[in-house]
Amino acid sequence: MKSNINQLQTEPLNSFGFVKDVEAARLLGCSVSKLRSDRFHCRGAPFYRHGRSILYKISDLAEYMEKVVPGKNF
């Protein structure tokens, strides 16, 4: 998990600080379907809707990864 948090801070990502669900799943180490299920059940990482797009704020993902106990939710 630690390496993913460092990746969030150093990878060149879009200038607004958001990523789509495919990239968020890669950074969190889970599947896209897990993220979708979590959204449906109102749990998991915070997300934002922009029209029909689902976006995850990079800083929110970093905070979420620090709170999650490895192996418990993923």
PDB file of N, CA and C in Angstrom:
ATOM      1  N   MET A   1       0.810  -1.198   0.000  1.00  0.00           N
ATOM      2  CA  MET A   1       0.000   0.000   0.000  1.00  0.00           C
ATOM      3  C   MET A   1       0.855   1.265   0.000  1.00  0.00           C
ATOM      4  N   LYS A   2       1.945   1.280   0.744  1.00  0.00           N
ATOM      5  CA  LYS A   2       2.787   2.465   0.843  1.00  0.00           C
ATOM      6  C   LYS A   2       3.275   2.923  -0.516  1.00  0.00           C
ATOM      7  N   SER A   3       3.683   1.990  -1.378  1.00  0.00           N
ATOM      8  CA  SER A   3       4.193   2.375  -2.688  1.00  0.00           C
ATOM      9  C   SER A   3       3.118   3.035  -3.539  1.00  0.00           C
ATOM     10  N   ASN A   4       1.869   2.597  -3.401  1.00  0.00           N
ATOM     11  CA  ASN A   4       0.787   3.225  -4.155  1.00  0.00           C
ATOM     12  C   ASN A   4       0.553   4.657  -3.706  1.00  0.00           C
ATOM     13  N   ILE A   5       0.659   4.920  -2.413  1.00  0.00           N
ATOM     14  CA  ILE A   5       0.496   6.283  -1.913  1.00  0.00           C
ATOM     15  C   ILE A   5       1.600   7.159  -2.482  1.00  0.00           C
ATOM     16  N   ASN A   6       2.816   6.655  -2.509  1.00  0.00           N
ATOM     17  CA  ASN A   6       3.915   7.422  -3.087  1.00  0.00           C
ATOM     18  C   ASN A   6       3.687   7.649  -4.579  1.00  0.00           C
ATOM     19  N   GLN A   7       3.132   6.663  -5.277  1.00  0.00           N
ATOM     20  CA  GLN A   7       2.823   6.818  -6.693  1.00  0.00           C
ATOM     21  C   GLN A   7       1.842   7.955  -6.912  1.00  0.00           C
ATOM     22  N   LEU A   8       0.850   8.052  -6.045  1.00  0.00           N
ATOM     23  CA  LEU A   8      -0.144   9.116  -6.180  1.00  0.00           C
ATOM     24  C   LEU A   8       0.500  10.483  -6.121  1.00  0.00           C
ATOM     25  N   GLN A   9       1.540  10.619  -5.317  1.00  0.00           N
ATOM     26  CA  GLN A   9       2.164  11.917  -5.124  1.00  0.00           C
ATOM     27  C   GLN A   9       3.190  12.243  -6.199  1.00  0.00           C
ATOM     28  N   THR A  10       3.696  11.245  -6.928  1.00  0.00           N
ATOM     29  CA  THR A  10       4.774  11.507  -7.874  1.00  0.00           C
ATOM     30  C   THR A  10       4.403  11.294  -9.337  1.00  0.00           C
ATOM     31  N   GLU A  11       3.358  10.522  -9.615  1.00  0.00           N
ATOM     32  CA  GLU A  11       3.002  10.264 -11.013  1.00  0.00           C
ATOM     33  C   GLU A  11       2.455  11.521 -11.676  1.00  0.00           C
ATOM     34  N   PRO A  12       2.812  11.747 -12.938  1.00  0.00           N
ATOM     35  CA  PRO A  12       2.223  12.883 -13.643  1.00  0.00           C
ATOM     36  C   PRO A  12       0.768  12.583 -14.003  1.00  0.00           C
ATOM     37  N   LEU A  13      -0.159  13.174 -13.289  1.00  0.00           N
ATOM     38  CA  LEU A  13      -1.577  12.954 -13.525  1.00  0.00           C
ATOM     39  C   LEU A  13      -2.196  14.238 -14.053  1.00  0.00           C
ATOM     40  N   ASN A  14      -3.453  14.213 -14.373  1.00  0.00           N
ATOM     41  CA  ASN A  14      -4.063  15.394 -14.966  1.00  0.00           C
ATOM     42  C   ASN A  14      -3.968  16.597 -14.031  1.00  0.00           C
ATOM     43  N   SER A  15      -4.071  17.773 -14.609  1.00  0.00           N
ATOM     44  CA  SER A  15      -3.809  19.010 -13.865  1.00  0.00           C
ATOM     45  C   SER A  15      -4.879  19.330 -12.831  1.00  0.00           C
ATOM     46  N   PHE A  16      -6.027  18.665 -12.866  1.00  0.00           N
ATOM     47  CA  PHE A  16      -7.082  18.947 -11.894  1.00  0.00           C
ATOM     48  C   PHE A  16      -7.025  18.039 -10.683  1.00  0.00           C
ATOM     49  N   GLY A  17      -6.181  17.021 -10.693  1.00  0.00           N
ATOM     50  CA  GLY A  17      -6.026  16.135  -9.549  1.00  0.00           C
ATOM     51  C   GLY A  17      -7.074  15.048  -9.442  1.00  0.00           C
ATOM     52  N   PHE A  18      -7.675  14.662 -10.553  1.00  0.00           N
ATOM     53  CA  PHE A  18      -8.678  13.606 -10.569  1.00  0.00           C
ATOM     54  C   PHE A  18      -8.264  12.497 -11.522  1.00  0.00           C
ATOM     55  N   VAL A  19      -8.708  11.265 -11.220  1.00  0.00           N
ATOM     56  CA  VAL A  19      -8.482  10.128 -12.108  1.00  0.00           C
ATOM     57  C   VAL A  19      -9.803   9.396 -12.312  1.00  0.00           C
ATOM     58  N   LYS A  20      -9.906   8.661 -13.413  1.00  0.00           N
ATOM     59  CA  LYS A  20     -11.106   7.861 -13.683  1.00  0.00           C
ATOM     60  C   LYS A  20     -11.029   6.560 -12.893  1.00  0.00           C
ATOM     61  N   ASP A  21     -12.116   5.801 -12.908  1.00  0.00           N
ATOM     62  CA  ASP A  21     -12.201   4.605 -12.074  1.00  0.00           C
ATOM     63  C   ASP A  21     -11.177   3.530 -12.421  1.00  0.00           C
ATOM     64  N   VAL A  22     -10.787   3.425 -13.674  1.00  0.00           N
ATOM     65  CA  VAL A  22      -9.784   2.412 -14.056  1.00  0.00           C
ATOM     66  C   VAL A  22      -8.447   2.711 -13.382  1.00  0.00           C
ATOM     67  N   GLU A  23      -8.039   3.979 -13.411  1.00  0.00           N
ATOM     68  CA  GLU A  23      -6.781   4.370 -12.775  1.00  0.00           C
ATOM     69  C   GLU A  23      -6.894   4.290 -11.254  1.00  0.00           C
ATOM     70  N   ALA A  24      -8.038   4.682 -10.703  1.00  0.00           N
ATOM     71  CA  ALA A  24      -8.248   4.598  -9.255  1.00  0.00           C
ATOM     72  C   ALA A  24      -8.151   3.148  -8.782  1.00  0.00           C
ATOM     73  N   ALA A  25      -8.755   2.233  -9.535  1.00  0.00           N
ATOM     74  CA  ALA A  25      -8.695   0.815  -9.178  1.00  0.00           C
ATOM     75  C   ALA A  25      -7.253   0.313  -9.194  1.00  0.00           C
ATOM     76  N   ARG A  26      -6.483   0.723 -10.196  1.00  0.00           N
ATOM     77  CA  ARG A  26      -5.081   0.309 -10.267  1.00  0.00           C
ATOM     78  C   ARG A  26      -4.311   0.825  -9.056  1.00  0.00           C
ATOM     79  N   LEU A  27      -4.530   2.071  -8.695  1.00  0.00           N
ATOM     80  CA  LEU A  27      -3.808   2.657  -7.560  1.00  0.00           C
ATOM     81  C   LEU A  27      -4.227   2.043  -6.228  1.00  0.00           C
ATOM     82  N   LEU A  28      -5.504   1.688  -6.106  1.00  0.00           N
ATOM     83  CA  LEU A  28      -5.990   1.079  -4.868  1.00  0.00           C
ATOM     84  C   LEU A  28      -5.707  -0.417  -4.796  1.00  0.00           C
ATOM     85  N   GLY A  29      -5.356  -1.010  -5.930  1.00  0.00           N
ATOM     86  CA  GLY A  29      -5.066  -2.444  -5.950  1.00  0.00           C
ATOM     87  C   GLY A  29      -6.324  -3.293  -5.905  1.00  0.00           C
ATOM     88  N   CYS A  30      -7.386  -2.814  -6.531  1.00  0.00           N
ATOM     89  CA  CYS A  30      -8.634  -3.581  -6.578  1.00  0.00           C
ATOM     90  C   CYS A  30      -9.173  -3.550  -8.004  1.00  0.00           C
ATOM     91  N   SER A  31     -10.285  -4.217  -8.224  1.00  0.00           N
ATOM     92  CA  SER A  31     -10.876  -4.235  -9.558  1.00  0.00           C
ATOM     93  C   SER A  31     -11.841  -3.062  -9.735  1.00  0.00           C
ATOM     94  N   VAL A  32     -12.109  -2.742 -10.980  1.00  0.00           N
ATOM     95  CA  VAL A  32     -13.072  -1.686 -11.287  1.00  0.00           C
ATOM     96  C   VAL A  32     -14.455  -2.105 -10.793  1.00  0.00           C
ATOM     97  N   SER A  33     -14.781  -3.376 -10.906  1.00  0.00           N
ATOM     98  CA  SER A  33     -16.092  -3.841 -10.440  1.00  0.00           C
ATOM     99  C   SER A  33     -16.229  -3.686  -8.924  1.00  0.00           C
ATOM    100  N   LYS A  34     -15.129  -3.822  -8.187  1.00  0.00           N
ATOM    101  CA  LYS A  34     -15.156  -3.590  -6.729  1.00  0.00           C
ATOM    102  C   LYS A  34     -15.479  -2.123  -6.442  1.00  0.00           C
ATOM    103  N   LEU A  35     -14.856  -1.202  -7.191  1.00  0.00           N
ATOM    104  CA  LEU A  35     -15.157   0.220  -7.012  1.00  0.00           C
ATOM    105  C   LEU A  35     -16.618   0.506  -7.328  1.00  0.00           C
ATOM    106  N   ARG A  36     -17.119  -0.079  -8.411  1.00  0.00           N
ATOM    107  CA  ARG A  36     -18.519   0.134  -8.790  1.00  0.00           C
ATOM    108  C   ARG A  36     -19.469  -0.398  -7.721  1.00  0.00           C
ATOM    109  N   SER A  37     -19.161  -1.565  -7.197  1.00  0.00           N
ATOM    110  CA  SER A  37     -19.976  -2.141  -6.137  1.00  0.00           C
ATOM    111  C   SER A  37     -19.958  -1.252  -4.896  1.00  0.00           C
ATOM    112  N   ASP A  38     -18.781  -0.767  -4.541  1.00  0.00           N
ATOM    113  CA  ASP A  38     -18.671   0.120  -3.381  1.00  0.00           C
ATOM    114  C   ASP A  38     -19.477   1.403  -3.579  1.00  0.00           C
ATOM    115  N   ARG A  39     -19.432   1.966  -4.786  1.00  0.00           N
ATOM    116  CA  ARG A  39     -20.229   3.170  -5.063  1.00  0.00           C
ATOM    117  C   ARG A  39     -21.714   2.879  -4.902  1.00  0.00           C
ATOM    118  N   PHE A  40     -22.162   1.757  -5.440  1.00  0.00           N
ATOM    119  CA  PHE A  40     -23.571   1.382  -5.377  1.00  0.00           C
ATOM    120  C   PHE A  40     -24.034   1.221  -3.933  1.00  0.00           C
ATOM    121  N   HIS A  41     -23.162   0.654  -3.084  1.00  0.00           N
ATOM    122  CA  HIS A  41     -23.504   0.399  -1.684  1.00  0.00           C
ATOM    123  C   HIS A  41     -23.082   1.538  -0.751  1.00  0.00           C
ATOM    124  N   CYS A  42     -22.707   2.680  -1.323  1.00  0.00           N
ATOM    125  CA  CYS A  42     -22.325   3.886  -0.546  1.00  0.00           C
ATOM    126  C   CYS A  42     -21.199   3.614   0.439  1.00  0.00           C
ATOM    127  N   ARG A  43     -20.167   2.957  -0.036  1.00  0.00           N
ATOM    128  CA  ARG A  43     -18.978   2.710   0.795  1.00  0.00           C
ATOM    129  C   ARG A  43     -17.746   2.864  -0.091  1.00  0.00           C
ATOM    130  N   GLY A  44     -16.586   2.764   0.495  1.00  0.00           N
ATOM    131  CA  GLY A  44     -15.359   2.864  -0.279  1.00  0.00           C
ATOM    132  C   GLY A  44     -14.857   4.292  -0.399  1.00  0.00           C
ATOM    133  N   ALA A  45     -13.990   4.495  -1.354  1.00  0.00           N
ATOM    134  CA  ALA A  45     -13.351   5.800  -1.566  1.00  0.00           C
ATOM    135  C   ALA A  45     -14.374   6.831  -2.043  1.00  0.00           C
ATOM    136  N   PRO A  46     -14.233   8.078  -1.589  1.00  0.00           N
ATOM    137  CA  PRO A  46     -15.128   9.133  -2.064  1.00  0.00           C
ATOM    138  C   PRO A  46     -14.955   9.341  -3.576  1.00  0.00           C
ATOM    139  N   PHE A  47     -16.033   9.686  -4.249  1.00  0.00           N
ATOM    140  CA  PHE A  47     -15.982   9.898  -5.694  1.00  0.00           C
ATOM    141  C   PHE A  47     -16.836  11.104  -6.067  1.00  0.00           C
ATOM    142  N   TYR A  48     -16.657  11.558  -7.273  1.00  0.00           N
ATOM    143  CA  TYR A  48     -17.383  12.716  -7.795  1.00  0.00           C
ATOM    144  C   TYR A  48     -17.964  12.364  -9.154  1.00  0.00           C
ATOM    145  N   ARG A  49     -19.104  12.936  -9.454  1.00  0.00           N
ATOM    146  CA  ARG A  49     -19.724  12.767 -10.771  1.00  0.00           C
ATOM    147  C   ARG A  49     -19.525  14.055 -11.559  1.00  0.00           C
ATOM    148  N   HIS A  50     -19.095  13.896 -12.786  1.00  0.00           N
ATOM    149  CA  HIS A  50     -18.997  15.025 -13.709  1.00  0.00           C
ATOM    150  C   HIS A  50     -19.733  14.583 -14.964  1.00  0.00           C
ATOM    151  N   GLY A  51     -21.000  14.961 -15.061  1.00  0.00           N
ATOM    152  CA  GLY A  51     -21.841  14.433 -16.135  1.00  0.00           C
ATOM    153  C   GLY A  51     -22.038  12.948 -15.905  1.00  0.00           C
ATOM    154  N   ARG A  52     -21.668  12.149 -16.891  1.00  0.00           N
ATOM    155  CA  ARG A  52     -21.773  10.695 -16.754  1.00  0.00           C
ATOM    156  C   ARG A  52     -20.475  10.061 -16.258  1.00  0.00           C
ATOM    157  N   SER A  53     -19.444  10.859 -16.098  1.00  0.00           N
ATOM    158  CA  SER A  53     -18.143  10.333 -15.671  1.00  0.00           C
ATOM    159  C   SER A  53     -18.054  10.233 -14.150  1.00  0.00           C
ATOM    160  N   ILE A  54     -17.379   9.202 -13.693  1.00  0.00           N
ATOM    161  CA  ILE A  54     -17.081   9.037 -12.274  1.00  0.00           C
ATOM    162  C   ILE A  54     -15.603   9.348 -12.106  1.00  0.00           C
ATOM    163  N   LEU A  55     -15.283  10.248 -11.189  1.00  0.00           N
ATOM    164  CA  LEU A  55     -13.901  10.661 -10.961  1.00  0.00           C
ATOM    165  C   LEU A  55     -13.547  10.507  -9.493  1.00  0.00           C
ATOM    166  N   TYR A  56     -12.275  10.227  -9.252  1.00  0.00           N
ATOM    167  CA  TYR A  56     -11.750  10.106  -7.900  1.00  0.00           C
ATOM    168  C   TYR A  56     -10.662  11.153  -7.710  1.00  0.00           C
ATOM    169  N   LYS A  57     -10.765  11.918  -6.642  1.00  0.00           N
ATOM    170  CA  LYS A  57      -9.764  12.930  -6.338  1.00  0.00           C
ATOM    171  C   LYS A  57      -8.535  12.229  -5.761  1.00  0.00           C
ATOM    172  N   ILE A  58      -7.384  12.567  -6.264  1.00  0.00           N
ATOM    173  CA  ILE A  58      -6.141  11.895  -5.873  1.00  0.00           C
ATOM    174  C   ILE A  58      -5.887  12.018  -4.377  1.00  0.00           C
ATOM    175  N   SER A  59      -6.090  13.196  -3.827  1.00  0.00           N
ATOM    176  CA  SER A  59      -5.851  13.377  -2.387  1.00  0.00           C
ATOM    177  C   SER A  59      -6.834  12.547  -1.561  1.00  0.00           C
ATOM    178  N   ASP A  60      -8.078  12.390  -2.036  1.00  0.00           N
ATOM    179  CA  ASP A  60      -9.048  11.541  -1.341  1.00  0.00           C
ATOM    180  C   ASP A  60      -8.619  10.070  -1.367  1.00  0.00           C
ATOM    181  N   LEU A  61      -8.076   9.630  -2.496  1.00  0.00           N
ATOM    182  CA  LEU A  61      -7.594   8.246  -2.589  1.00  0.00           C
ATOM    183  C   LEU A  61      -6.445   8.004  -1.620  1.00  0.00           C
ATOM    184  N   ALA A  62      -5.541   8.965  -1.514  1.00  0.00           N
ATOM    185  CA  ALA A  62      -4.404   8.823  -0.591  1.00  0.00           C
ATOM    186  C   ALA A  62      -4.898   8.729   0.846  1.00  0.00           C
ATOM    187  N   GLU A  63      -5.844   9.574   1.228  1.00  0.00           N
ATOM    188  CA  GLU A  63      -6.403   9.525   2.586  1.00  0.00           C
ATOM    189  C   GLU A  63      -7.126   8.205   2.833  1.00  0.00           C
ATOM    190  N   TYR A  64      -7.883   7.762   1.848  1.00  0.00           N
ATOM    191  CA  TYR A  64      -8.622   6.508   1.973  1.00  0.00           C
ATOM    192  C   TYR A  64      -7.663   5.325   2.154  1.00  0.00           C
ATOM    193  N   MET A  65      -6.584   5.299   1.379  1.00  0.00           N
ATOM    194  CA  MET A  65      -5.624   4.196   1.480  1.00  0.00           C
ATOM    195  C   MET A  65      -4.936   4.174   2.834  1.00  0.00           C
ATOM    196  N   GLU A  66      -4.726   5.334   3.443  1.00  0.00           N
ATOM    197  CA  GLU A  66      -4.107   5.376   4.767  1.00  0.00           C
ATOM    198  C   GLU A  66      -5.043   4.816   5.831  1.00  0.00           C
ATOM    199  N   LYS A  67      -6.354   4.954   5.642  1.00  0.00           N
ATOM    200  CA  LYS A  67      -7.336   4.484   6.624  1.00  0.00           C
ATOM    201  C   LYS A  67      -7.640   3.000   6.504  1.00  0.00           C
ATOM    202  N   VAL A  68      -7.555   2.462   5.297  1.00  0.00           N
ATOM    203  CA  VAL A  68      -7.941   1.069   5.055  1.00  0.00           C
ATOM    204  C   VAL A  68      -6.905   0.125   5.653  1.00  0.00           C
ATOM    205  N   VAL A  69      -7.381  -0.854   6.384  1.00  0.00           N
ATOM    206  CA  VAL A  69      -6.490  -1.894   6.916  1.00  0.00           C
ATOM    207  C   VAL A  69      -6.233  -2.891   5.798  1.00  0.00           C
ATOM    208  N   PRO A  70      -4.953  -3.135   5.435  1.00  0.00           N
ATOM    209  CA  PRO A  70      -4.653  -4.058   4.328  1.00  0.00           C
ATOM    210  C   PRO A  70      -5.292  -5.430   4.560  1.00  0.00           C
ATOM    211  N   GLY A  71      -5.946  -5.933   3.530  1.00  0.00           N
ATOM    212  CA  GLY A  71      -6.558  -7.258   3.593  1.00  0.00           C
ATOM    213  C   GLY A  71      -7.978  -7.246   4.128  1.00  0.00           C
ATOM    214  N   LYS A  72      -8.411  -6.170   4.762  1.00  0.00           N
ATOM    215  CA  LYS A  72      -9.753  -6.149   5.320  1.00  0.00           C
ATOM    216  C   LYS A  72     -10.808  -5.819   4.279  1.00  0.00           C
ATOM    217  N   ASN A  73     -10.569  -4.802   3.468  1.00  0.00           N
ATOM    218  CA  ASN A  73     -11.569  -4.369   2.490  1.00  0.00           C
ATOM    219  C   ASN A  73     -11.256  -4.811   1.072  1.00  0.00           C
ATOM    220  N   PHE A  74     -10.052  -5.222   0.783  1.00  0.00           N
ATOM    221  CA  PHE A  74      -9.698  -5.588  -0.595  1.00  0.00           C
ATOM    222  C   PHE A  74      -9.167  -6.977  -0.642  1.00  0.00           C
TER     223      PHE A  74
END
